[in-house]
Amino acid sequence: MANTAGTLVLVRHGQSQWNLENRFTGWVDIPLTKEGEAEAKRAGELLKGTTFDHAFTSALSRAQETLRIILETIGETNVPTDRDQALNERHYGDLQGLNKDETAEKFGKEQVNIWRRSYDVPPPNGESLKDTRARTMPYFDAHIKPLVLAGKNILVVAHGNSLRSIVMVLDNISEKDIPDLNIPTGVPLRYQIDSTGKVLKHGYLGEG
C-alpha cells in the first residue's frame, strides 16, 4: 500500500507596520498594514480548495491575524489552532525597533548583515538563526510533524526566521547556504510529505 502523503503549508505573515518602516521587529507585537492584510487574503485565495485539519501560529498578533484572514478567505474558520511562542520570530535583542539602514550606518553594513543573515552569530542580547531553530524544531517535531506524517493537511503561519528554521531541515540546507534563503511574506509554500518523512514535492503556490 502506498504511503499516505500529508500536506504542510508554511506562510510567512503579511507585511507588518515595522516591515514597512524597515525596522527590526523580532518579538515586538506589531500589527499588519493594509498591504499585509491584502497579502494574507491573496494567500487565502491561493489556498482555496484546501481543507486543513489543524493550524499552528506564533504568540504574535501579525501571524495570528494573517492566519485568521487566510482561514476566513478559504471558508475554514473552525480549524483547530495552536499558538506558541516557539514559532515566534527570532528575538533581535538590542536591535528591536531600530531602523535597518540607520543600524547599518552605525555598526557597518557587514556587521549588520552578519547579525541578520548568518546562522550562528546573534545580534547583541538576541537570537541567532541557530538559537531560533533550537526552540522551533523541537516544537515542530513534537506537535506538527506527527500530524503531517499521519496524512493530515497542516497550515503553519509564522515568521521569516522560524520558517527558515523549518525549511532548512525539510530541504537539507546547509549552515553555509542558509543565509541565501529568504521567505517572502504572504506566499504559501506547500510540501507534500509521505509517512516516512520524505518530501515528495514542494513549491510556492502561484508561481509559474
N, C-alpha and C. Protein backbone atom coordinates (compact mmCIF):
# COMPACT_ATOMS: atom_id res chain seq x y z
N MET A 1 0.84 -1.19 0.00
CA MET A 1 0.00 0.00 0.00
C MET A 1 0.89 1.25 0.00
N ALA A 2 0.51 2.24 -0.79
CA ALA A 2 1.31 3.46 -0.90
C ALA A 2 1.22 4.26 0.40
N ASN A 3 2.30 4.94 0.73
CA ASN A 3 2.29 5.80 1.90
C ASN A 3 1.35 6.97 1.67
N THR A 4 0.55 7.28 2.66
CA THR A 4 -0.35 8.43 2.56
C THR A 4 0.47 9.71 2.71
N ALA A 5 0.28 10.63 1.77
CA ALA A 5 1.02 11.89 1.83
C ALA A 5 0.23 12.93 2.62
N GLY A 6 0.91 13.57 3.55
CA GLY A 6 0.32 14.70 4.24
C GLY A 6 0.76 15.99 3.57
N THR A 7 0.02 17.05 3.81
CA THR A 7 0.35 18.35 3.24
C THR A 7 0.71 19.33 4.35
N LEU A 8 1.85 19.98 4.19
CA LEU A 8 2.29 21.02 5.11
C LEU A 8 2.40 22.31 4.33
N VAL A 9 1.65 23.32 4.76
CA VAL A 9 1.72 24.64 4.11
C VAL A 9 2.30 25.64 5.10
N LEU A 10 3.37 26.29 4.70
CA LEU A 10 4.03 27.32 5.51
C LEU A 10 3.75 28.69 4.91
N VAL A 11 3.33 29.64 5.74
CA VAL A 11 3.09 31.00 5.26
C VAL A 11 3.73 31.99 6.23
N ARG A 12 4.56 32.85 5.68
CA ARG A 12 5.09 33.97 6.48
C ARG A 12 4.01 35.05 6.52
N HIS A 13 3.81 35.62 7.71
CA HIS A 13 2.77 36.63 7.89
C HIS A 13 2.90 37.76 6.86
N GLY A 14 1.79 38.45 6.61
CA GLY A 14 1.80 39.59 5.70
C GLY A 14 2.62 40.75 6.27
N GLN A 15 2.85 41.74 5.43
CA GLN A 15 3.65 42.90 5.82
C GLN A 15 3.13 43.52 7.12
N SER A 16 4.06 43.77 8.04
CA SER A 16 3.69 44.46 9.28
C SER A 16 4.11 45.93 9.18
N GLN A 17 3.65 46.72 10.15
CA GLN A 17 3.97 48.15 10.13
C GLN A 17 5.48 48.38 10.20
N TRP A 18 6.18 47.55 10.94
CA TRP A 18 7.64 47.73 11.04
C TRP A 18 8.37 47.14 9.85
N ASN A 19 7.78 46.15 9.15
CA ASN A 19 8.35 45.75 7.85
C ASN A 19 8.34 46.97 6.94
N LEU A 20 7.20 47.65 6.92
CA LEU A 20 7.04 48.84 6.06
C LEU A 20 8.05 49.92 6.43
N GLU A 21 8.29 50.09 7.73
CA GLU A 21 9.20 51.14 8.20
C GLU A 21 10.66 50.68 8.24
N ASN A 22 10.91 49.45 7.75
CA ASN A 22 12.27 48.89 7.66
C ASN A 22 12.95 48.81 9.03
N ARG A 23 12.17 48.37 10.03
CA ARG A 23 12.71 48.21 11.38
C ARG A 23 12.87 46.73 11.73
N PHE A 24 13.81 46.45 12.63
CA PHE A 24 13.90 45.11 13.21
C PHE A 24 12.72 44.91 14.16
N THR A 25 11.97 43.84 13.96
CA THR A 25 10.74 43.65 14.73
C THR A 25 10.90 42.62 15.84
N GLY A 26 11.34 41.41 15.47
CA GLY A 26 11.53 40.38 16.49
C GLY A 26 10.26 40.03 17.24
N TRP A 27 10.32 40.11 18.57
CA TRP A 27 9.19 39.71 19.40
C TRP A 27 8.24 40.88 19.72
N VAL A 28 8.54 42.06 19.21
CA VAL A 28 7.62 43.19 19.44
C VAL A 28 6.34 42.92 18.67
N ASP A 29 5.19 43.12 19.32
CA ASP A 29 3.91 42.73 18.72
C ASP A 29 3.35 43.86 17.87
N ILE A 30 3.72 43.84 16.60
CA ILE A 30 3.37 44.92 15.67
C ILE A 30 2.26 44.44 14.73
N PRO A 31 1.24 45.27 14.47
CA PRO A 31 0.13 44.83 13.62
C PRO A 31 0.47 44.82 12.13
N LEU A 32 -0.40 44.16 11.37
CA LEU A 32 -0.28 44.17 9.92
C LEU A 32 -0.63 45.54 9.36
N THR A 33 -0.06 45.86 8.21
CA THR A 33 -0.50 47.02 7.43
C THR A 33 -1.68 46.59 6.56
N LYS A 34 -2.29 47.55 5.87
CA LYS A 34 -3.36 47.21 4.91
C LYS A 34 -2.81 46.29 3.82
N GLU A 35 -1.57 46.54 3.41
CA GLU A 35 -0.93 45.66 2.41
C GLU A 35 -0.74 44.26 2.99
N GLY A 36 -0.37 44.18 4.27
CA GLY A 36 -0.22 42.88 4.92
C GLY A 36 -1.52 42.11 4.96
N GLU A 37 -2.62 42.82 5.23
CA GLU A 37 -3.94 42.18 5.22
C GLU A 37 -4.27 41.69 3.81
N ALA A 38 -3.93 42.49 2.81
CA ALA A 38 -4.18 42.10 1.41
C ALA A 38 -3.34 40.89 1.03
N GLU A 39 -2.09 40.83 1.52
CA GLU A 39 -1.23 39.66 1.25
C GLU A 39 -1.83 38.40 1.86
N ALA A 40 -2.36 38.53 3.08
CA ALA A 40 -2.98 37.38 3.73
C ALA A 40 -4.20 36.91 2.94
N LYS A 41 -4.97 37.85 2.43
CA LYS A 41 -6.15 37.49 1.64
C LYS A 41 -5.73 36.80 0.35
N ARG A 42 -4.65 37.29 -0.28
CA ARG A 42 -4.16 36.64 -1.52
C ARG A 42 -3.68 35.22 -1.22
N ALA A 43 -3.03 35.05 -0.06
CA ALA A 43 -2.60 33.70 0.33
C ALA A 43 -3.81 32.78 0.46
N GLY A 44 -4.88 33.31 1.07
CA GLY A 44 -6.11 32.53 1.21
C GLY A 44 -6.71 32.16 -0.15
N GLU A 45 -6.66 33.11 -1.08
CA GLU A 45 -7.18 32.83 -2.44
C GLU A 45 -6.41 31.69 -3.08
N LEU A 46 -5.08 31.68 -2.89
CA LEU A 46 -4.24 30.62 -3.46
C LEU A 46 -4.51 29.26 -2.81
N LEU A 47 -5.02 29.28 -1.58
CA LEU A 47 -5.24 28.04 -0.84
C LEU A 47 -6.69 27.56 -0.91
N LYS A 48 -7.52 28.27 -1.65
CA LYS A 48 -8.92 27.84 -1.77
C LYS A 48 -8.99 26.43 -2.35
N GLY A 49 -9.85 25.62 -1.77
CA GLY A 49 -9.97 24.23 -2.21
C GLY A 49 -9.19 23.28 -1.32
N THR A 50 -8.34 23.83 -0.43
CA THR A 50 -7.59 23.00 0.52
C THR A 50 -8.33 22.98 1.85
N THR A 51 -8.56 21.82 2.38
CA THR A 51 -9.18 21.67 3.70
C THR A 51 -8.09 21.34 4.71
N PHE A 52 -7.98 22.15 5.75
CA PHE A 52 -6.94 21.94 6.76
C PHE A 52 -7.51 21.24 7.99
N ASP A 53 -6.71 20.30 8.51
CA ASP A 53 -7.10 19.57 9.72
C ASP A 53 -6.68 20.30 10.99
N HIS A 54 -5.59 21.08 10.89
CA HIS A 54 -5.07 21.76 12.06
C HIS A 54 -4.20 22.93 11.60
N ALA A 55 -4.16 23.98 12.40
CA ALA A 55 -3.31 25.14 12.09
C ALA A 55 -2.45 25.48 13.30
N PHE A 56 -1.30 26.05 13.02
CA PHE A 56 -0.36 26.47 14.07
C PHE A 56 0.10 27.89 13.76
N THR A 57 0.29 28.68 14.80
CA THR A 57 0.81 30.03 14.62
C THR A 57 1.60 30.42 15.86
N SER A 58 2.18 31.62 15.82
CA SER A 58 3.03 32.07 16.92
C SER A 58 2.20 32.80 17.97
N ALA A 59 2.88 33.35 18.96
CA ALA A 59 2.22 34.13 20.01
C ALA A 59 2.06 35.60 19.61
N LEU A 60 2.41 35.94 18.37
CA LEU A 60 2.42 37.34 17.93
C LEU A 60 1.23 37.61 17.00
N SER A 61 0.63 38.78 17.16
CA SER A 61 -0.64 39.06 16.50
C SER A 61 -0.53 39.16 14.99
N ARG A 62 0.63 39.56 14.46
CA ARG A 62 0.73 39.68 13.00
C ARG A 62 0.60 38.32 12.31
N ALA A 63 1.10 37.28 12.96
CA ALA A 63 0.94 35.93 12.42
C ALA A 63 -0.48 35.42 12.66
N GLN A 64 -1.03 35.68 13.85
CA GLN A 64 -2.38 35.23 14.17
C GLN A 64 -3.42 35.88 13.25
N GLU A 65 -3.23 37.16 12.97
CA GLU A 65 -4.17 37.87 12.10
C GLU A 65 -4.06 37.37 10.66
N THR A 66 -2.85 37.09 10.21
CA THR A 66 -2.66 36.53 8.87
C THR A 66 -3.38 35.19 8.76
N LEU A 67 -3.24 34.36 9.79
CA LEU A 67 -3.93 33.06 9.80
C LEU A 67 -5.44 33.26 9.77
N ARG A 68 -5.94 34.18 10.58
CA ARG A 68 -7.40 34.41 10.62
C ARG A 68 -7.93 34.80 9.25
N ILE A 69 -7.21 35.70 8.57
CA ILE A 69 -7.67 36.17 7.25
C ILE A 69 -7.62 35.03 6.24
N ILE A 70 -6.55 34.22 6.29
CA ILE A 70 -6.44 33.08 5.36
C ILE A 70 -7.61 32.13 5.54
N LEU A 71 -7.88 31.75 6.80
CA LEU A 71 -8.95 30.79 7.07
C LEU A 71 -10.32 31.36 6.71
N GLU A 72 -10.50 32.64 6.96
CA GLU A 72 -11.76 33.31 6.58
C GLU A 72 -11.93 33.29 5.07
N THR A 73 -10.84 33.53 4.35
CA THR A 73 -10.90 33.60 2.87
C THR A 73 -11.23 32.24 2.27
N ILE A 74 -10.69 31.17 2.86
CA ILE A 74 -10.97 29.84 2.29
C ILE A 74 -12.22 29.21 2.89
N GLY A 75 -12.88 29.92 3.83
CA GLY A 75 -14.11 29.41 4.40
C GLY A 75 -13.90 28.28 5.39
N GLU A 76 -12.75 28.32 6.10
CA GLU A 76 -12.40 27.25 7.04
C GLU A 76 -12.17 27.84 8.44
N THR A 77 -13.17 28.49 8.98
CA THR A 77 -12.97 29.25 10.22
C THR A 77 -12.99 28.40 11.49
N ASN A 78 -13.29 27.11 11.37
CA ASN A 78 -13.37 26.26 12.56
C ASN A 78 -12.18 25.31 12.70
N VAL A 79 -11.08 25.61 12.01
CA VAL A 79 -9.91 24.74 12.08
C VAL A 79 -9.28 24.83 13.48
N PRO A 80 -9.04 23.69 14.15
CA PRO A 80 -8.35 23.73 15.45
C PRO A 80 -6.99 24.41 15.31
N THR A 81 -6.68 25.32 16.22
CA THR A 81 -5.46 26.13 16.09
C THR A 81 -4.68 26.15 17.40
N ASP A 82 -3.38 25.95 17.29
CA ASP A 82 -2.47 26.09 18.43
C ASP A 82 -1.58 27.30 18.22
N ARG A 83 -1.37 28.06 19.30
CA ARG A 83 -0.47 29.21 19.26
C ARG A 83 0.66 28.98 20.25
N ASP A 84 1.89 29.24 19.82
CA ASP A 84 3.01 29.00 20.72
C ASP A 84 4.17 29.91 20.37
N GLN A 85 4.86 30.43 21.40
CA GLN A 85 5.99 31.33 21.13
C GLN A 85 7.19 30.59 20.55
N ALA A 86 7.15 29.26 20.54
CA ALA A 86 8.21 28.50 19.87
C ALA A 86 8.27 28.85 18.38
N LEU A 87 7.14 29.33 17.84
CA LEU A 87 7.09 29.70 16.42
C LEU A 87 7.29 31.20 16.21
N ASN A 88 7.60 31.94 17.28
CA ASN A 88 7.85 33.38 17.14
C ASN A 88 9.03 33.67 16.21
N GLU A 89 9.06 34.89 15.72
CA GLU A 89 10.22 35.39 15.00
C GLU A 89 11.45 35.30 15.91
N ARG A 90 12.64 35.29 15.33
CA ARG A 90 13.84 35.33 16.18
C ARG A 90 13.84 36.63 16.96
N HIS A 91 14.39 36.58 18.15
CA HIS A 91 14.46 37.76 19.01
C HIS A 91 15.68 38.58 18.57
N TYR A 92 15.44 39.82 18.16
CA TYR A 92 16.54 40.65 17.65
C TYR A 92 17.27 41.43 18.74
N GLY A 93 16.92 41.18 20.00
CA GLY A 93 17.67 41.79 21.09
C GLY A 93 17.71 43.30 21.03
N ASP A 94 18.91 43.86 21.15
CA ASP A 94 19.08 45.32 21.19
C ASP A 94 18.71 46.00 19.89
N LEU A 95 18.56 45.23 18.82
CA LEU A 95 18.23 45.84 17.51
C LEU A 95 16.72 46.06 17.34
N GLN A 96 15.91 45.45 18.19
CA GLN A 96 14.46 45.55 18.01
C GLN A 96 14.00 47.01 18.05
N GLY A 97 13.23 47.38 17.03
CA GLY A 97 12.72 48.74 16.92
C GLY A 97 13.61 49.68 16.14
N LEU A 98 14.86 49.27 15.89
CA LEU A 98 15.79 50.15 15.17
C LEU A 98 15.58 50.04 13.66
N ASN A 99 15.80 51.15 12.98
CA ASN A 99 15.75 51.17 11.52
C ASN A 99 16.98 50.44 10.97
N LYS A 100 16.75 49.57 9.98
CA LYS A 100 17.84 48.72 9.48
C LYS A 100 18.93 49.53 8.78
N ASP A 101 18.54 50.55 8.03
CA ASP A 101 19.54 51.39 7.35
C ASP A 101 20.38 52.19 8.35
N GLU A 102 19.71 52.77 9.35
CA GLU A 102 20.43 53.55 10.37
C GLU A 102 21.36 52.65 11.18
N THR A 103 20.92 51.41 11.44
CA THR A 103 21.76 50.46 12.17
C THR A 103 23.00 50.11 11.36
N ALA A 104 22.82 49.97 10.04
CA ALA A 104 23.96 49.69 9.16
C ALA A 104 24.95 50.85 9.16
N GLU A 105 24.44 52.07 9.22
CA GLU A 105 25.33 53.24 9.27
C GLU A 105 26.11 53.26 10.58
N LYS A 106 25.47 52.85 11.66
CA LYS A 106 26.09 52.90 12.98
C LYS A 106 27.14 51.81 13.17
N PHE A 107 26.78 50.57 12.79
CA PHE A 107 27.65 49.42 13.07
C PHE A 107 28.41 48.92 11.84
N GLY A 108 28.05 49.43 10.66
CA GLY A 108 28.65 48.96 9.42
C GLY A 108 27.77 47.91 8.76
N LYS A 109 27.65 48.00 7.44
CA LYS A 109 26.78 47.09 6.70
C LYS A 109 27.17 45.63 6.91
N GLU A 110 28.47 45.38 6.92
CA GLU A 110 28.94 44.00 7.01
C GLU A 110 28.54 43.36 8.34
N GLN A 111 28.70 44.11 9.43
CA GLN A 111 28.34 43.59 10.74
C GLN A 111 26.83 43.33 10.84
N VAL A 112 26.03 44.27 10.35
CA VAL A 112 24.58 44.11 10.42
C VAL A 112 24.13 42.93 9.55
N ASN A 113 24.79 42.76 8.41
CA ASN A 113 24.44 41.63 7.55
C ASN A 113 24.75 40.30 8.24
N ILE A 114 25.86 40.27 8.99
CA ILE A 114 26.20 39.06 9.75
C ILE A 114 25.11 38.78 10.80
N TRP A 115 24.69 39.82 11.51
CA TRP A 115 23.63 39.65 12.52
C TRP A 115 22.34 39.17 11.87
N ARG A 116 22.02 39.71 10.70
CA ARG A 116 20.74 39.40 10.06
C ARG A 116 20.74 38.04 9.38
N ARG A 117 21.83 37.67 8.72
CA ARG A 117 21.77 36.54 7.81
C ARG A 117 22.61 35.33 8.21
N SER A 118 23.58 35.51 9.11
CA SER A 118 24.43 34.37 9.45
C SER A 118 23.63 33.33 10.23
N TYR A 119 24.16 32.14 10.32
CA TYR A 119 23.46 31.05 11.01
C TYR A 119 23.63 31.13 12.52
N ASP A 120 24.84 31.44 12.98
CA ASP A 120 25.11 31.27 14.42
C ASP A 120 25.67 32.50 15.13
N VAL A 121 25.57 33.67 14.51
CA VAL A 121 26.03 34.90 15.19
C VAL A 121 24.81 35.73 15.58
N PRO A 122 24.50 35.83 16.89
CA PRO A 122 23.32 36.58 17.31
C PRO A 122 23.60 38.08 17.38
N PRO A 123 22.57 38.91 17.19
CA PRO A 123 22.73 40.33 17.50
C PRO A 123 22.87 40.50 19.01
N PRO A 124 23.33 41.65 19.47
CA PRO A 124 23.52 41.84 20.93
C PRO A 124 22.24 41.53 21.70
N ASN A 125 22.35 40.62 22.67
CA ASN A 125 21.23 40.22 23.54
C ASN A 125 20.05 39.61 22.78
N GLY A 126 20.33 39.07 21.60
CA GLY A 126 19.27 38.47 20.79
C GLY A 126 19.58 37.03 20.41
N GLU A 127 18.81 36.52 19.46
CA GLU A 127 18.94 35.14 19.00
C GLU A 127 19.56 35.08 17.60
N SER A 128 20.39 34.11 17.37
CA SER A 128 20.82 33.77 16.02
C SER A 128 19.78 32.84 15.41
N LEU A 129 19.92 32.55 14.11
CA LEU A 129 19.04 31.58 13.49
C LEU A 129 19.21 30.21 14.15
N LYS A 130 20.44 29.89 14.56
CA LYS A 130 20.70 28.63 15.27
C LYS A 130 19.89 28.56 16.56
N ASP A 131 19.85 29.67 17.30
CA ASP A 131 19.06 29.73 18.53
C ASP A 131 17.57 29.58 18.23
N THR A 132 17.12 30.23 17.17
CA THR A 132 15.71 30.16 16.79
C THR A 132 15.34 28.72 16.43
N ARG A 133 16.21 28.08 15.67
CA ARG A 133 15.98 26.69 15.29
C ARG A 133 15.90 25.79 16.53
N ALA A 134 16.72 26.09 17.55
CA ALA A 134 16.77 25.27 18.76
C ALA A 134 15.45 25.29 19.54
N ARG A 135 14.63 26.33 19.35
CA ARG A 135 13.32 26.34 20.01
C ARG A 135 12.19 25.97 19.04
N THR A 136 12.37 26.27 17.76
CA THR A 136 11.30 26.00 16.79
C THR A 136 11.21 24.52 16.44
N MET A 137 12.35 23.87 16.17
CA MET A 137 12.30 22.49 15.67
C MET A 137 11.81 21.46 16.70
N PRO A 138 12.16 21.56 17.98
CA PRO A 138 11.56 20.61 18.93
C PRO A 138 10.03 20.70 18.96
N TYR A 139 9.52 21.93 18.87
CA TYR A 139 8.06 22.11 18.84
C TYR A 139 7.48 21.52 17.55
N PHE A 140 8.14 21.80 16.43
CA PHE A 140 7.70 21.25 15.15
C PHE A 140 7.69 19.72 15.19
N ASP A 141 8.77 19.14 15.70
CA ASP A 141 8.89 17.67 15.74
C ASP A 141 7.86 17.03 16.66
N ALA A 142 7.51 17.72 17.75
CA ALA A 142 6.58 17.15 18.73
C ALA A 142 5.11 17.34 18.35
N HIS A 143 4.79 18.47 17.73
CA HIS A 143 3.38 18.84 17.55
C HIS A 143 2.90 18.86 16.09
N ILE A 144 3.77 19.25 15.18
CA ILE A 144 3.36 19.46 13.79
C ILE A 144 3.68 18.26 12.91
N LYS A 145 4.91 17.81 12.97
CA LYS A 145 5.37 16.72 12.11
C LYS A 145 4.53 15.44 12.25
N PRO A 146 4.18 15.03 13.48
CA PRO A 146 3.39 13.79 13.59
C PRO A 146 2.06 13.86 12.84
N LEU A 147 1.44 15.03 12.82
CA LEU A 147 0.17 15.17 12.11
C LEU A 147 0.38 15.05 10.60
N VAL A 148 1.46 15.66 10.11
CA VAL A 148 1.77 15.57 8.66
C VAL A 148 2.07 14.12 8.28
N LEU A 149 2.85 13.43 9.11
CA LEU A 149 3.20 12.03 8.83
C LEU A 149 1.97 11.13 8.86
N ALA A 150 0.94 11.56 9.58
CA ALA A 150 -0.30 10.79 9.65
C ALA A 150 -1.23 11.09 8.47
N GLY A 151 -0.75 11.93 7.54
CA GLY A 151 -1.54 12.21 6.34
C GLY A 151 -2.47 13.40 6.46
N LYS A 152 -2.29 14.21 7.49
CA LYS A 152 -3.15 15.38 7.69
C LYS A 152 -2.67 16.57 6.85
N ASN A 153 -3.60 17.52 6.64
CA ASN A 153 -3.26 18.79 5.99
C ASN A 153 -3.07 19.85 7.07
N ILE A 154 -1.86 20.39 7.15
CA ILE A 154 -1.48 21.28 8.26
C ILE A 154 -1.03 22.64 7.71
N LEU A 155 -1.50 23.70 8.35
CA LEU A 155 -1.13 25.07 7.98
C LEU A 155 -0.36 25.70 9.12
N VAL A 156 0.82 26.23 8.79
CA VAL A 156 1.65 26.94 9.78
C VAL A 156 1.85 28.37 9.30
N VAL A 157 1.38 29.33 10.08
CA VAL A 157 1.58 30.75 9.76
C VAL A 157 2.51 31.32 10.83
N ALA A 158 3.69 31.71 10.41
CA ALA A 158 4.68 32.17 11.39
C ALA A 158 5.52 33.31 10.80
N HIS A 159 6.83 33.24 10.95
CA HIS A 159 7.71 34.38 10.68
C HIS A 159 8.90 33.95 9.82
N GLY A 160 9.59 34.94 9.26
CA GLY A 160 10.68 34.65 8.35
C GLY A 160 11.70 33.67 8.90
N ASN A 161 12.14 33.89 10.15
CA ASN A 161 13.22 33.05 10.67
C ASN A 161 12.76 31.76 11.31
N SER A 162 11.59 31.76 11.94
CA SER A 162 11.09 30.47 12.45
C SER A 162 10.78 29.54 11.28
N LEU A 163 10.27 30.10 10.17
CA LEU A 163 10.01 29.28 8.98
C LEU A 163 11.31 28.88 8.28
N ARG A 164 12.31 29.77 8.28
CA ARG A 164 13.61 29.39 7.69
C ARG A 164 14.19 28.19 8.44
N SER A 165 13.99 28.15 9.76
CA SER A 165 14.47 27.01 10.56
C SER A 165 13.85 25.71 10.08
N ILE A 166 12.53 25.75 9.82
CA ILE A 166 11.82 24.55 9.38
C ILE A 166 12.25 24.16 7.96
N VAL A 167 12.31 25.14 7.07
CA VAL A 167 12.68 24.87 5.68
C VAL A 167 14.12 24.36 5.60
N MET A 168 14.99 24.89 6.46
CA MET A 168 16.38 24.44 6.49
C MET A 168 16.46 22.93 6.69
N VAL A 169 15.61 22.41 7.58
CA VAL A 169 15.60 20.97 7.86
C VAL A 169 14.91 20.20 6.73
N LEU A 170 13.74 20.66 6.30
CA LEU A 170 12.98 19.94 5.26
C LEU A 170 13.76 19.86 3.95
N ASP A 171 14.48 20.94 3.62
CA ASP A 171 15.19 21.00 2.34
C ASP A 171 16.67 20.63 2.46
N ASN A 172 17.11 20.24 3.66
CA ASN A 172 18.52 19.89 3.88
C ASN A 172 19.47 21.00 3.44
N ILE A 173 19.16 22.22 3.85
CA ILE A 173 20.01 23.37 3.51
C ILE A 173 21.13 23.48 4.53
N SER A 174 22.34 23.66 4.07
CA SER A 174 23.49 23.70 4.97
C SER A 174 23.59 25.05 5.70
N GLU A 175 24.37 25.06 6.78
CA GLU A 175 24.62 26.31 7.50
C GLU A 175 25.27 27.34 6.59
N LYS A 176 26.08 26.87 5.64
CA LYS A 176 26.76 27.78 4.71
C LYS A 176 25.78 28.43 3.73
N ASP A 177 24.75 27.67 3.32
CA ASP A 177 23.83 28.18 2.30
C ASP A 177 22.59 28.85 2.86
N ILE A 178 22.29 28.64 4.14
CA ILE A 178 21.05 29.18 4.70
C ILE A 178 20.97 30.71 4.66
N PRO A 179 22.10 31.47 4.72
CA PRO A 179 21.96 32.92 4.62
C PRO A 179 21.28 33.39 3.34
N ASP A 180 21.34 32.59 2.28
CA ASP A 180 20.77 32.98 1.00
C ASP A 180 19.26 32.74 0.93
N LEU A 181 18.71 32.04 1.91
CA LEU A 181 17.28 31.72 1.87
C LEU A 181 16.45 32.87 2.42
N ASN A 182 15.52 33.35 1.62
CA ASN A 182 14.59 34.37 2.07
C ASN A 182 13.17 33.88 1.78
N ILE A 183 12.29 34.00 2.75
CA ILE A 183 10.91 33.56 2.58
C ILE A 183 10.03 34.79 2.42
N PRO A 184 9.33 34.92 1.29
CA PRO A 184 8.51 36.12 1.05
C PRO A 184 7.27 36.16 1.95
N THR A 185 6.78 37.35 2.21
CA THR A 185 5.57 37.49 3.03
C THR A 185 4.34 37.08 2.23
N GLY A 186 3.47 36.33 2.88
CA GLY A 186 2.15 36.05 2.33
C GLY A 186 2.09 35.12 1.12
N VAL A 187 3.13 34.34 0.88
CA VAL A 187 3.11 33.41 -0.26
C VAL A 187 3.18 31.98 0.28
N PRO A 188 2.13 31.17 0.11
CA PRO A 188 2.13 29.82 0.67
C PRO A 188 3.20 28.93 0.04
N LEU A 189 3.94 28.25 0.91
CA LEU A 189 4.93 27.26 0.50
C LEU A 189 4.40 25.89 0.89
N ARG A 190 4.07 25.06 -0.11
CA ARG A 190 3.41 23.79 0.17
C ARG A 190 4.35 22.61 -0.02
N TYR A 191 4.34 21.73 0.98
CA TYR A 191 5.11 20.49 0.94
C TYR A 191 4.14 19.30 0.95
N GLN A 192 4.47 18.29 0.17
CA GLN A 192 3.81 17.00 0.30
C GLN A 192 4.84 16.03 0.86
N ILE A 193 4.49 15.40 1.98
CA ILE A 193 5.44 14.58 2.75
C ILE A 193 4.79 13.23 3.03
N ASP A 194 5.51 12.14 2.75
CA ASP A 194 4.92 10.83 2.99
C ASP A 194 5.09 10.40 4.44
N SER A 195 4.57 9.24 4.79
CA SER A 195 4.52 8.81 6.19
C SER A 195 5.90 8.50 6.78
N THR A 196 6.93 8.41 5.93
CA THR A 196 8.30 8.20 6.42
C THR A 196 9.03 9.52 6.64
N GLY A 197 8.39 10.63 6.27
CA GLY A 197 9.01 11.94 6.40
C GLY A 197 9.70 12.42 5.15
N LYS A 198 9.62 11.64 4.07
CA LYS A 198 10.26 12.04 2.81
C LYS A 198 9.43 13.12 2.12
N VAL A 199 10.11 14.19 1.71
CA VAL A 199 9.44 15.25 0.95
C VAL A 199 9.26 14.78 -0.49
N LEU A 200 8.01 14.66 -0.92
CA LEU A 200 7.72 14.20 -2.28
C LEU A 200 7.80 15.34 -3.28
N LYS A 201 7.25 16.48 -2.90
CA LYS A 201 7.39 17.68 -3.74
C LYS A 201 7.08 18.91 -2.90
N HIS A 202 7.57 20.03 -3.35
CA HIS A 202 7.28 21.28 -2.64
C HIS A 202 7.47 22.46 -3.58
N GLY A 203 6.83 23.54 -3.25
CA GLY A 203 6.97 24.76 -4.05
C GLY A 203 5.99 25.84 -3.59
N TYR A 204 6.29 27.05 -4.00
CA TYR A 204 5.40 28.18 -3.68
C TYR A 204 4.18 28.13 -4.59
N LEU A 205 3.02 28.43 -4.03
CA LEU A 205 1.80 28.48 -4.82
C LEU A 205 1.76 29.81 -5.57
N GLY A 206 1.20 29.77 -6.76
CA GLY A 206 1.05 30.99 -7.54
C GLY A 206 2.23 31.32 -8.41
N GLU A 207 3.27 30.49 -8.37
CA GLU A 207 4.44 30.71 -9.23
C GLU A 207 4.29 29.94 -10.53
N GLY A 208 4.76 30.54 -11.62
CA GLY A 208 4.73 29.85 -12.89
C GLY A 208 3.38 29.88 -13.54
